[in-house]
Protein backbone atom coordinates (compact mmCIF):
# COMPACT_ATOMS: atom_id res chain seq x y z
CA MET A 1 22.78 -20.28 -26.34
CA ASN A 2 19.88 -22.11 -27.98
CA ARG A 3 16.47 -20.68 -28.83
CA LYS A 4 14.90 -21.84 -25.57
CA GLN A 5 17.62 -20.21 -23.48
CA LYS A 6 17.39 -16.99 -25.48
CA THR A 7 13.61 -16.88 -25.09
CA LEU A 8 13.84 -17.62 -21.35
CA PHE A 9 16.47 -14.92 -20.93
CA ALA A 10 14.24 -12.41 -22.74
CA ILE A 11 11.29 -13.34 -20.49
CA ALA A 12 13.45 -13.01 -17.36
CA ALA A 13 14.77 -9.62 -18.48
CA GLY A 14 11.24 -8.43 -19.22
CA LEU A 15 9.96 -9.62 -15.84
CA LEU A 16 12.88 -7.95 -14.07
CA GLY A 17 12.21 -4.67 -15.85
CA ILE A 18 8.50 -4.80 -15.04
CA ILE A 19 9.20 -5.67 -11.39
CA LEU A 20 11.68 -2.82 -11.00
CA ILE A 21 9.21 -0.35 -12.49
CA ILE A 22 6.42 -1.65 -10.25
CA LEU A 23 8.62 -1.60 -7.15
CA PHE A 24 9.86 1.95 -7.69
CA SER A 25 6.32 3.09 -8.41
CA ALA A 26 4.94 1.23 -5.39
CA ARG A 27 7.65 2.63 -3.12
CA PHE A 28 6.81 6.15 -4.23
CA ILE A 29 3.03 5.75 -4.23
CA VAL A 30 2.51 3.40 -1.27
CA LEU A 31 5.04 4.89 1.13
CA SER A 32 4.08 8.44 0.15
CA GLY A 33 0.48 7.55 0.94
CA TYR A 34 1.41 6.07 4.31
CA ARG A 35 3.58 9.11 5.13
CA ALA A 36 0.69 11.43 4.31
CA LEU A 37 -1.60 9.27 6.44
CA GLU A 38 0.74 9.32 9.44
CA LYS A 39 1.24 13.06 9.07
CA ALA A 40 -2.52 13.59 9.08
CA SER A 41 -2.81 11.29 12.12
CA ALA A 42 -0.07 13.26 13.91
CA LYS A 43 -1.88 16.52 13.24
CA GLU A 44 -5.08 15.00 14.60
CA ASN A 45 -3.19 14.11 17.78
CA LEU A 46 -1.84 17.66 18.01
CA GLN A 47 -5.38 18.93 17.62
CA ARG A 48 -6.38 16.68 20.50
CA VAL A 49 -3.78 18.38 22.68
CA VAL A 50 -5.04 21.83 21.68
CA ASN A 51 -8.62 20.70 22.30
CA ALA A 52 -7.64 19.40 25.74
CA ILE A 53 -6.09 22.77 26.63
CA ASP A 54 -9.20 24.54 25.30
CA GLY A 55 -11.30 22.20 27.43
CA GLU A 56 -9.31 23.15 30.52
CA LEU A 57 -9.81 26.82 29.69
CA ASP A 58 -13.56 26.25 29.32
CA SER A 59 -13.64 24.49 32.70
CA LEU A 60 -11.64 27.30 34.28
CA ALA A 61 -13.92 29.91 32.71
CA ALA A 62 -16.98 28.09 34.09
CA SER A 63 -15.53 28.15 37.62
CA THR A 64 -14.62 31.81 37.21
CA GLY A 65 -18.13 32.62 36.01
CA ASP A 66 -19.70 30.89 39.04
CA TYR A 67 -17.85 33.24 41.40
CA ALA A 68 -17.96 36.36 39.22
CA THR A 69 -21.76 36.38 38.82
CA TRP A 70 -22.64 36.37 42.50
CA ASP A 71 -24.02 38.96 44.89
CA GLU A 72 -21.33 38.20 47.49
CA THR A 73 -18.56 38.88 44.99
CA TYR A 74 -20.41 41.96 43.75
CA ARG A 75 -20.50 43.36 47.30
CA PHE A 76 -16.87 42.40 47.92
CA MET A 77 -15.73 44.43 44.94
CA GLN A 78 -17.43 47.43 46.56
CA ASP A 79 -16.50 47.06 50.25
CA GLY A 80 -13.52 44.65 50.17
CA ASN A 81 -14.67 42.80 53.29
CA ALA A 82 -12.15 40.21 54.53
CA GLY A 83 -14.86 37.77 55.51
CA PHE A 84 -15.61 37.01 51.88
CA ILE A 85 -12.00 36.03 51.26
CA LYS A 86 -11.80 33.92 54.38
CA ALA A 87 -15.01 32.09 53.59
CA ASN A 88 -14.53 31.53 49.86
CA MET A 89 -10.91 31.97 48.80
CA ASP A 90 -9.07 29.75 51.25
CA GLU A 91 -6.40 27.33 50.03
CA ALA A 92 -8.65 24.26 50.32
CA SER A 93 -11.37 25.81 48.15
CA LEU A 94 -8.92 26.89 45.46
CA THR A 95 -7.18 23.51 45.51
CA LYS A 96 -10.52 21.80 45.01
CA LEU A 97 -11.13 24.02 42.00
CA ARG A 98 -7.56 23.29 40.81
CA VAL A 99 -6.89 27.03 40.71
CA ASN A 100 -3.36 28.26 41.36
CA LEU A 101 -4.10 31.95 41.03
CA VAL A 102 -7.04 34.22 41.81
CA ALA A 103 -7.24 37.99 41.51
CA PHE A 104 -10.05 40.52 42.01
CA VAL A 105 -9.28 43.63 39.97
CA ARG A 106 -11.20 46.87 39.81
CA PRO A 107 -11.94 48.51 36.43
CA SER A 108 -9.09 50.95 36.99
CA GLY A 109 -6.59 48.07 37.18
CA GLU A 110 -6.24 48.21 40.96
CA ILE A 111 -5.77 44.75 42.47
CA LEU A 112 -8.23 44.45 45.30
CA PHE A 113 -7.07 40.97 46.24
CA ALA A 114 -4.73 38.40 44.73
CA LYS A 115 -3.59 35.02 45.93
CA ALA A 116 -1.51 32.12 44.68
CA VAL A 117 -1.80 28.50 45.85
CA ASP A 118 0.36 25.43 45.40
CA ILE A 119 -2.21 22.79 44.43
CA LYS A 120 0.09 19.89 45.35
CA THR A 121 0.47 21.06 48.97
CA ALA A 122 -2.76 23.13 49.26
CA LYS A 123 -0.70 25.98 50.74
CA ALA A 124 -0.25 29.60 49.80
CA ALA A 125 2.51 30.40 47.32
CA PRO A 126 4.21 33.61 46.15
CA LEU A 127 2.42 35.56 43.41
CA PRO A 128 4.08 35.25 40.01
CA GLN A 129 6.29 38.15 39.06
CA GLY A 130 4.86 40.55 36.54
CA LEU A 131 1.25 39.86 37.54
CA GLU A 132 0.45 43.55 38.08
CA ARG A 133 1.47 44.44 34.53
CA GLN A 134 -1.28 42.17 33.15
CA PHE A 135 -4.02 44.29 34.78
CA ALA A 136 -3.72 47.48 32.81
CA ALA A 137 -7.14 49.04 32.29
CA SER A 138 -6.71 48.73 28.52
CA GLY A 139 -5.32 45.18 28.69
CA PRO A 140 -7.20 42.13 27.37
CA LEU A 141 -8.04 40.75 30.83
CA LEU A 142 -10.06 43.83 31.86
CA ARG A 143 -11.62 44.55 28.49
CA HIS A 144 -15.29 43.53 28.59
CA PRO A 145 -17.36 44.71 25.61
CA SER A 146 -20.51 43.13 27.11
CA LEU A 147 -21.84 41.70 30.36
CA GLN A 148 -21.47 38.18 28.94
CA SER A 149 -17.82 38.73 28.05
CA THR A 150 -15.35 35.92 28.72
CA VAL A 151 -11.60 36.28 28.35
CA LYS A 152 -9.55 33.09 28.39
CA GLY A 153 -6.19 31.99 27.13
CA VAL A 154 -2.51 31.67 28.00
CA LEU A 155 -0.33 34.17 29.85
CA LEU A 156 3.41 34.05 30.42
CA LEU A 157 4.16 35.47 33.86
CA HIS A 158 7.92 35.89 34.12
CA GLY A 159 8.41 32.72 32.05
CA THR A 160 5.71 30.75 33.85
CA PRO A 161 2.85 29.67 31.55
CA VAL A 162 -0.59 30.11 33.06
CA LEU A 163 -4.05 29.23 31.80
CA VAL A 164 -6.26 32.18 32.74
CA ALA A 165 -9.94 33.03 32.55
CA ALA A 166 -11.46 36.45 33.32
CA LYS A 167 -15.13 37.33 33.82
CA PRO A 168 -16.80 40.65 34.69
CA VAL A 169 -18.11 40.82 38.27
CA LEU A 170 -21.94 41.04 38.24
CA ASN A 171 -24.83 40.34 40.59
CA ASN A 172 -26.81 37.10 40.74
CA ALA A 173 -29.03 38.22 37.90
CA GLY A 174 -26.03 38.84 35.67
CA LYS A 175 -26.65 42.59 35.72
CA GLY A 176 -24.23 45.46 36.11
CA PRO A 177 -22.78 47.87 36.18
CA ILE A 178 -19.51 45.92 36.03
CA ARG A 179 -17.65 46.45 39.31
CA GLY A 180 -14.45 44.72 38.28
CA THR A 181 -12.97 41.50 36.96
CA LEU A 182 -12.40 38.12 38.55
CA VAL A 183 -9.32 36.34 37.18
CA MET A 184 -8.51 32.70 37.86
CA GLY A 185 -5.43 30.91 36.65
CA ARG A 186 -3.85 27.48 36.55
CA PHE A 187 -0.11 26.99 36.16
CA ILE A 188 1.03 24.74 33.31
CA ASP A 189 3.67 22.93 35.33
CA ALA A 190 4.93 19.35 35.19
CA ALA A 191 1.89 18.02 37.05
CA GLU A 192 -0.58 19.79 34.74
CA THR A 193 1.36 18.63 31.68
CA ALA A 194 1.27 15.03 32.96
CA ARG A 195 -2.47 15.40 33.53
CA LEU A 196 -3.01 16.63 29.97
CA ALA A 197 -0.83 13.78 28.67
CA ASP A 198 -2.99 11.30 30.56
CA MET A 199 -6.17 12.89 29.17
CA THR A 200 -4.93 12.72 25.58
CA ARG A 201 -3.03 9.44 26.02
CA LEU A 202 -0.03 11.02 24.32
CA PRO A 203 3.59 11.50 25.43
CA LEU A 204 3.34 15.28 25.86
CA GLU A 205 5.78 18.06 26.67
CA ILE A 206 4.88 21.73 26.97
CA ARG A 207 7.40 24.55 27.06
CA THR A 208 7.43 28.28 26.54
CA CYS A 209 8.61 29.85 23.32
CA ASP A 210 8.93 33.16 21.55
CA GLN A 211 9.46 34.31 17.97
CA VAL A 212 13.24 33.99 18.30
CA SER A 213 13.05 30.32 19.34
CA LEU A 214 10.70 29.61 16.42
CA ASN A 215 13.50 30.54 14.02
CA THR A 216 15.72 27.75 15.32
CA ALA A 217 15.63 23.98 14.80
CA PRO A 218 13.45 21.97 14.93
CA PHE A 219 10.96 24.67 13.98
CA LYS A 220 12.97 26.36 11.26
CA ALA A 221 11.79 25.28 7.81
CA LYS A 222 10.70 26.62 4.44
CA ARG A 223 7.26 27.24 5.90
CA PRO A 224 7.51 29.04 9.26
CA LEU A 225 5.50 27.85 12.23
CA THR A 226 2.86 30.51 12.88
CA LEU A 227 -0.35 30.88 14.84
CA ALA A 228 -2.24 30.74 11.53
CA LYS A 229 -0.58 27.40 10.70
CA PRO A 230 0.36 26.11 14.13
CA PHE A 231 1.18 22.44 13.46
CA ARG A 232 4.49 20.92 12.40
CA VAL A 233 5.41 17.23 12.07
CA ARG A 234 9.06 16.22 11.75
CA ARG A 235 10.64 12.84 11.08
CA ILE A 236 13.26 11.93 13.67
CA ASP A 237 14.09 8.47 12.30
CA ASP A 238 12.33 5.48 10.78
CA ASP A 239 10.68 4.73 14.13
CA THR A 240 9.79 8.13 15.56
CA LEU A 241 7.98 11.35 14.67
CA LYS A 242 7.72 14.52 16.69
CA GLY A 243 4.74 16.82 16.40
CA PHE A 244 4.69 20.45 17.48
CA ALA A 245 1.70 22.71 18.10
CA LEU A 246 2.18 26.44 18.58
CA ILE A 247 -0.18 28.07 21.09
CA GLY A 248 -0.55 31.83 21.33
CA ASP A 249 -1.20 34.03 24.37
CA LEU A 250 -3.93 36.58 25.02
CA ASN A 251 -1.98 39.13 23.00
CA ASN A 252 -1.86 36.79 20.01
CA ARG A 253 1.87 36.20 20.34
CA PRO A 254 3.67 32.82 20.41
CA ALA A 255 3.61 31.52 23.97
CA LEU A 256 3.77 27.72 24.16
CA ILE A 257 5.00 24.77 22.16
CA ALA A 258 3.18 21.49 22.80
CA GLN A 259 5.34 18.58 21.67
CA ILE A 260 4.28 14.96 21.23
CA THR A 261 6.38 11.92 20.34
CA ILE A 262 4.75 9.41 18.02
CA VAL A 263 5.83 5.88 17.18
CA ARG A 264 5.62 5.50 13.38
CA ARG A 265 3.29 2.49 13.36
CA ILE A 266 1.48 3.66 10.22
CA TYR A 267 4.74 4.09 8.28
CA GLN A 268 6.08 0.78 9.59
CA GLN A 269 2.89 -0.91 8.41
CA GLY A 270 3.48 0.66 5.00
CA VAL A 271 7.04 -0.69 4.93
CA GLU A 272 5.75 -4.13 5.95
CA THR A 273 3.10 -3.99 3.23
CA LEU A 274 5.76 -3.05 0.68
CA ARG A 275 7.92 -5.97 1.81
CA TYR A 276 5.03 -8.39 1.32
CA PHE A 277 4.43 -6.83 -2.08
CA VAL A 278 8.09 -7.29 -3.06
CA PHE A 279 8.00 -10.88 -1.83
CA CYS A 280 4.85 -11.57 -3.85
CA CYS A 281 6.41 -9.99 -6.97
CA ILE A 282 9.54 -12.11 -6.60
CA LEU A 283 7.49 -15.24 -5.94
CA ILE A 284 5.27 -14.58 -8.96
CA SER A 285 8.36 -13.95 -11.10
CA VAL A 286 10.05 -17.18 -9.99
CA VAL A 287 6.86 -19.18 -10.59
CA SER A 288 6.47 -17.47 -13.98
CA LEU A 289 10.05 -18.38 -14.95
CA ILE A 290 9.54 -21.98 -13.84
CA LEU A 291 6.30 -22.25 -15.82
CA SER A 292 7.91 -20.47 -18.78
CA ASN A 293 10.85 -22.89 -18.69
CA TRP A 294 8.47 -25.84 -18.60
CA GLY A 295 6.22 -24.39 -21.31
CA LEU A 296 9.15 -23.48 -23.55
CA GLY A 297 10.59 -26.97 -23.07
CA LYS A 298 7.31 -28.51 -24.15
CA TYR A 299 6.91 -26.04 -27.01
CA PHE A 300 10.39 -26.43 -28.44
CA ALA A 301 10.24 -30.20 -27.97
CA SER A 302 6.99 -30.33 -29.95
CA GLN A 303 8.47 -27.96 -32.50
CA HIS A 304 11.50 -30.22 -32.83
CA GLN A 305 9.28 -33.27 -33.15
CA GLU A 306 7.11 -31.58 -35.75
CA GLU A 307 10.19 -30.44 -37.63
CA THR A 308 11.63 -33.96 -37.50
CA GLU A 309 8.35 -35.41 -38.69
CA ARG A 310 8.17 -32.90 -41.54
CA LEU A 311 11.74 -33.70 -42.54
CA TYR A 312 11.02 -37.40 -42.37
CA ALA A 313 7.79 -36.98 -44.32
CA ALA A 314 9.63 -34.88 -46.90
CA ALA A 315 12.38 -37.50 -47.16
CA VAL A 316 9.83 -40.28 -47.62
CA GLU A 317 7.74 -38.23 -50.03
CA HIS A 318 10.65 -37.43 -52.28
CA SER A 319 12.47 -40.73 -51.91
CA ALA A 320 13.47 -42.45 -55.18
CA ALA A 321 12.05 -45.70 -53.80
CA GLY A 322 8.32 -46.21 -54.05
CA MET A 323 6.35 -45.97 -50.80
CA ALA A 324 2.74 -47.10 -50.41
CA ILE A 325 0.50 -47.14 -47.36
CA LEU A 326 -2.53 -49.45 -47.62
CA ASP A 327 -5.52 -49.99 -45.40
CA ALA A 328 -4.61 -53.40 -43.98
CA GLU A 329 -8.22 -54.56 -43.87
CA THR A 330 -9.37 -53.55 -47.36
CA GLY A 331 -6.13 -53.26 -49.27
CA ARG A 332 -7.03 -49.79 -50.56
CA VAL A 333 -4.26 -47.27 -51.15
CA VAL A 334 -4.22 -44.58 -48.45
CA ARG A 335 -1.08 -42.76 -49.57
CA VAL A 336 1.73 -43.19 -52.11
CA ASN A 337 4.80 -41.03 -52.36
CA THR A 338 5.83 -39.12 -55.43
CA GLY A 339 8.53 -41.71 -56.08
CA LEU A 340 5.98 -44.49 -56.65
CA SER A 341 3.68 -42.21 -58.65
CA ALA A 342 6.60 -41.32 -60.90
CA LEU A 343 7.65 -44.97 -61.26
CA LEU A 344 4.14 -45.91 -62.39
CA GLY A 345 3.58 -42.77 -64.45
CA TYR A 346 0.57 -41.50 -62.48
CA PRO A 347 0.01 -37.94 -61.33
CA PRO A 348 0.45 -37.42 -57.54
CA GLY A 349 -2.69 -38.37 -55.59
CA LEU A 350 -4.39 -40.26 -58.42
CA LEU A 351 -3.71 -43.70 -56.96
CA GLU A 352 -5.08 -42.90 -53.48
CA GLY A 353 -8.35 -44.76 -52.82
CA ALA A 354 -7.72 -47.42 -55.44
CA LEU A 355 -7.42 -51.13 -54.58
CA PHE A 356 -3.74 -52.04 -54.64
CA ARG A 357 -4.55 -55.41 -56.19
CA GLU A 358 -5.85 -53.58 -59.28
CA LEU A 359 -2.32 -52.34 -59.89
CA LEU A 360 -0.93 -55.88 -59.95
CA ALA A 361 -0.15 -57.26 -63.38
CA ASP A 362 -0.27 -60.93 -62.27
CA ASP A 363 -1.24 -63.20 -59.35
CA PRO A 364 -3.25 -60.76 -57.15
CA GLU A 365 -4.39 -63.72 -55.01
CA SER A 366 -0.81 -64.41 -53.95
CA PHE A 367 -0.48 -60.77 -52.76
CA GLU A 368 -3.74 -61.04 -50.82
CA CYS A 369 -2.47 -64.14 -49.07
CA ARG A 370 0.72 -62.39 -48.06
CA ARG A 371 -1.33 -59.33 -46.87
CA SER A 372 -3.49 -61.61 -44.70
CA ALA A 373 -0.39 -63.26 -43.26
CA ALA A 374 1.00 -59.81 -42.34
CA LEU A 375 -2.30 -58.99 -40.61
CA ARG A 376 -1.90 -62.11 -38.49
CA GLY A 377 1.49 -60.91 -37.34
CA GLU A 378 3.52 -63.17 -39.57
CA LYS A 379 6.47 -62.04 -41.69
CA PRO A 380 5.57 -63.06 -45.23
CA ASP A 381 8.04 -63.43 -48.07
CA TRP A 382 6.80 -60.72 -50.41
CA GLY A 383 8.83 -62.02 -53.32
CA GLU A 384 8.38 -59.82 -56.38
CA LEU A 385 5.41 -57.76 -57.48
CA ARG A 386 4.61 -56.83 -61.03
CA LEU A 387 2.73 -53.52 -61.20
CA THR A 388 0.98 -52.09 -64.23
CA ARG A 389 2.12 -48.64 -65.23
CA LYS A 390 -0.27 -46.09 -66.65
CA ASP A 391 1.08 -46.80 -70.10
CA ARG A 392 0.20 -50.52 -69.53
CA SER A 393 3.83 -51.57 -69.30
CA GLU A 394 4.98 -53.61 -66.34
CA ALA A 395 7.30 -52.59 -63.52
CA VAL A 396 8.96 -55.30 -61.44
CA MET A 397 9.20 -54.36 -57.76
CA GLU A 398 10.89 -55.93 -54.75
CA PRO A 399 8.60 -55.13 -51.80
CA SER A 400 9.37 -54.98 -48.08
CA GLY A 401 7.30 -53.74 -45.16
CA GLY A 402 4.93 -54.60 -42.41
CA VAL A 403 1.76 -53.71 -40.53
CA ILE A 404 1.56 -50.67 -38.25
CA ARG A 405 -1.29 -49.54 -35.96
CA LEU A 406 -2.42 -45.92 -35.70
CA ASP A 407 -5.54 -44.52 -33.97
CA GLY A 408 -7.08 -48.00 -33.73
CA ARG A 409 -6.53 -48.82 -37.41
CA GLN A 410 -4.01 -51.11 -39.10
CA PHE A 411 -2.01 -50.05 -42.11
CA LEU A 412 0.28 -51.99 -44.39
CA CYS A 413 3.42 -50.01 -45.25
CA LEU A 414 5.26 -51.17 -48.37
CA THR A 415 8.60 -50.02 -49.73
CA LEU A 416 8.89 -50.89 -53.42
CA HIS A 417 12.24 -50.98 -55.18
CA ASP A 418 12.16 -50.95 -58.98
CA VAL A 419 14.19 -53.89 -60.30
CA THR A 420 12.70 -53.82 -63.79
CA GLY A 421 16.05 -53.07 -65.36
CA ARG A 422 17.70 -56.08 -63.75
CA LYS A 423 14.88 -58.35 -64.72
CA GLY A 424 14.88 -57.20 -68.31
């Protein structure tokens, strides 16, 4: 494995490590954030269901108040005349009010009149079992601390959930004394549940519950579902959540569980976002590796070229043969190697800038002619050159070389072999 491959492998390993760290962090941070967001959204939807039920109770309480604060009702609670019931409490009137149950109760708990209606058929229906037990004088329905008192909430009548509202019976002016209580109720049956689901635009189910059922799945958890903390969101699978809202009755006991089913669009969007993020990380890594491979190739190629040039320059510089580079136009020495400086007895660098012809011991004009011929592109016969050493002795050289072009300039490169010994 060469240096480029080793470097590329190190870069790839580093990128892989960084990507893994980023991905694990992103999975934890991003998906945790989306889970928290979908849980908050689910709780908001559960609150919408509770608000819808509260809205129905408010509407029921308003209808109850209209009849409870009325001179006719006030007189009925005293004389119990049948004409009032016939004129005002017939099945059609109660169906129009969407009231399944109506009861007039005296302060002692005596039921003066009670009636149940099937809203779907607008016909009378049997009274729910256990209704009488809800009208104890000390019970919440008949307890009115003031003339403006309103009691509303959920009752379980023999397993049947009912929304109820109770108002004290007063005259038109809203004055007393209180002659009794008017109670109106609406059954939470399949039709009412479907109506609430349509209002909230949520897939809704409502069923009764008690403390025992709250200790079983899916409600059993480290934190129990209570009226103080009534919401619970549970993951069913990667596509579905279920939300549960606990609703208490008038006695502040668990009575109903409202359940909604939620498609996990928020979480799925988080997963999709993470997938795009992973794709982008992989794409960036691949592009980085490609660019790194290209950059390293260029770098190591230039390094190799520079190293080769340095080796070549070192070989030329320390060659035993003399090397001289002249400006082809002027004949001035641009560079000589240490070999030529040593042959002529000059310190390195001293000859640079001098006219080469000044080093010639004889016939400089002949050299100039050959230099001019080389400039014209001819191949002159350099013959022999006699150079003057620093000690004024002569050195016989056999030259060879030619003209090269670099950065718009021409240079004459000469290789000088010392043949003084042979000539002597």
